Amino acid sequence: GYKEAEEFIREHDLVDASVKKVTYSVLIEDYITPADRVKIEELLKLNGLLSFGVYEIEDLNGNFHLLSGAFITEEGAVSLNEELKAAGINSHVIKR
């Protein structure tokens, strides 16, 4: 999280780096399997959307969720969400 990022910056002497609190992301899929993730990443790559980064998180019940992007403003997340939907990817904006 935030503290780890700050520690990384200090350890690597990244004087121009900063940590920002991001509030919004785009949830691509719930309860994914590794095969689902590969398919989604291929679709994102084909549509030029992989540059936003794709990551999965595990909830307290052991279910996996696939997310993309980390945005300070809701507008940024909404814009990515619209691009994902236009590419045929089921997604929605979430508050982190």
Protein backbone atom coordinates (compact mmCIF):
# COMPACT_ATOMS: atom_id res chain seq x y z
CA GLY A 1 0.00 0.00 0.00
CA TYR A 2 0.91 3.60 0.58
CA LYS A 3 3.59 2.97 3.22
CA GLU A 4 5.27 0.30 1.11
CA ALA A 5 5.42 2.66 -1.86
CA GLU A 6 6.98 5.40 0.25
CA GLU A 7 9.53 2.93 1.61
CA PHE A 8 10.38 1.78 -1.93
CA ILE A 9 11.02 5.40 -2.94
CA ARG A 10 13.34 5.94 0.02
CA GLU A 11 15.20 2.65 -0.46
CA HIS A 12 15.84 3.34 -4.14
CA ASP A 13 16.61 7.06 -3.67
CA LEU A 14 13.94 8.12 -6.15
CA VAL A 15 14.06 11.85 -5.39
CA ASP A 16 11.55 12.88 -8.07
CA ALA A 17 9.01 10.15 -7.22
CA SER A 18 5.85 10.68 -5.22
CA VAL A 19 3.02 8.54 -3.92
CA LYS A 20 -0.52 9.58 -4.71
CA LYS A 21 -3.70 8.34 -3.15
CA VAL A 22 -5.88 6.87 -5.86
CA THR A 23 -9.55 6.43 -5.25
CA TYR A 24 -10.98 4.89 -8.42
CA SER A 25 -10.33 1.81 -10.51
CA VAL A 26 -12.23 -0.25 -13.04
CA LEU A 27 -13.45 -3.71 -12.08
CA ILE A 28 -13.23 -5.92 -15.14
CA GLU A 29 -14.34 -9.28 -13.82
CA ASP A 30 -15.27 -10.93 -10.56
CA TYR A 31 -14.17 -14.40 -9.49
CA ILE A 32 -11.72 -14.93 -12.33
CA THR A 33 -9.72 -18.02 -13.11
CA PRO A 34 -6.18 -17.88 -14.54
CA ALA A 35 -7.62 -18.84 -17.95
CA ASP A 36 -10.13 -15.97 -17.76
CA ARG A 37 -7.34 -13.52 -16.96
CA VAL A 38 -5.29 -14.63 -19.98
CA LYS A 39 -8.30 -14.21 -22.30
CA ILE A 40 -9.08 -10.76 -20.92
CA GLU A 41 -5.45 -9.62 -21.16
CA GLU A 42 -5.32 -10.76 -24.81
CA LEU A 43 -8.52 -8.81 -25.55
CA LEU A 44 -7.10 -5.73 -23.81
CA LYS A 45 -3.86 -6.03 -25.80
CA LEU A 46 -5.75 -6.34 -29.10
CA ASN A 47 -7.66 -3.15 -28.28
CA GLY A 48 -4.61 -1.19 -27.08
CA LEU A 49 -5.89 -1.07 -23.50
CA LEU A 50 -3.22 -3.11 -21.72
CA SER A 51 -1.14 0.00 -20.94
CA PHE A 52 -3.45 0.82 -18.03
CA GLY A 53 -2.21 -2.25 -16.19
CA VAL A 54 -4.23 -5.24 -15.11
CA TYR A 55 -4.03 -6.65 -11.64
CA GLU A 56 -6.01 -9.04 -9.53
CA ILE A 57 -6.96 -8.81 -5.91
CA GLU A 58 -8.22 -11.51 -3.63
CA ASP A 59 -11.04 -10.73 -1.25
CA LEU A 60 -11.47 -12.12 2.25
CA ASN A 61 -13.47 -15.06 0.88
CA GLY A 62 -10.68 -16.13 -1.48
CA ASN A 63 -12.45 -14.85 -4.61
CA PHE A 64 -10.38 -13.05 -7.24
CA HIS A 65 -11.31 -9.79 -8.94
CA LEU A 66 -9.57 -8.35 -12.00
CA LEU A 67 -9.04 -4.60 -12.08
CA SER A 68 -7.43 -2.08 -14.41
CA GLY A 69 -6.15 1.42 -13.81
CA ALA A 70 -5.74 3.53 -10.70
CA PHE A 71 -7.24 6.99 -10.90
CA ILE A 72 -7.32 10.03 -8.66
CA THR A 73 -10.50 11.27 -10.35
CA GLU A 74 -13.67 9.42 -11.22
CA GLU A 75 -13.55 10.90 -14.72
CA GLY A 76 -10.37 8.97 -15.57
CA ALA A 77 -11.93 5.70 -14.47
CA VAL A 78 -15.15 6.44 -16.37
CA SER A 79 -13.15 7.10 -19.54
CA LEU A 80 -11.31 3.77 -19.28
CA ASN A 81 -14.56 1.99 -18.44
CA GLU A 82 -16.17 3.37 -21.62
CA GLU A 83 -13.20 2.15 -23.71
CA LEU A 84 -13.42 -1.31 -22.11
CA LYS A 85 -17.15 -1.56 -22.77
CA ALA A 86 -16.63 -0.44 -26.38
CA ALA A 87 -14.15 -3.34 -26.72
CA GLY A 88 -16.80 -5.76 -25.43
CA ILE A 89 -15.33 -6.12 -21.95
CA ASN A 90 -17.78 -6.24 -19.05
CA SER A 91 -16.61 -3.66 -16.49
CA HIS A 92 -17.65 -0.91 -14.12
CA VAL A 93 -16.05 1.87 -12.06
CA ILE A 94 -15.38 1.15 -8.40
CA LYS A 95 -14.20 3.22 -5.46
CA ARG A 96 -11.18 1.65 -3.78
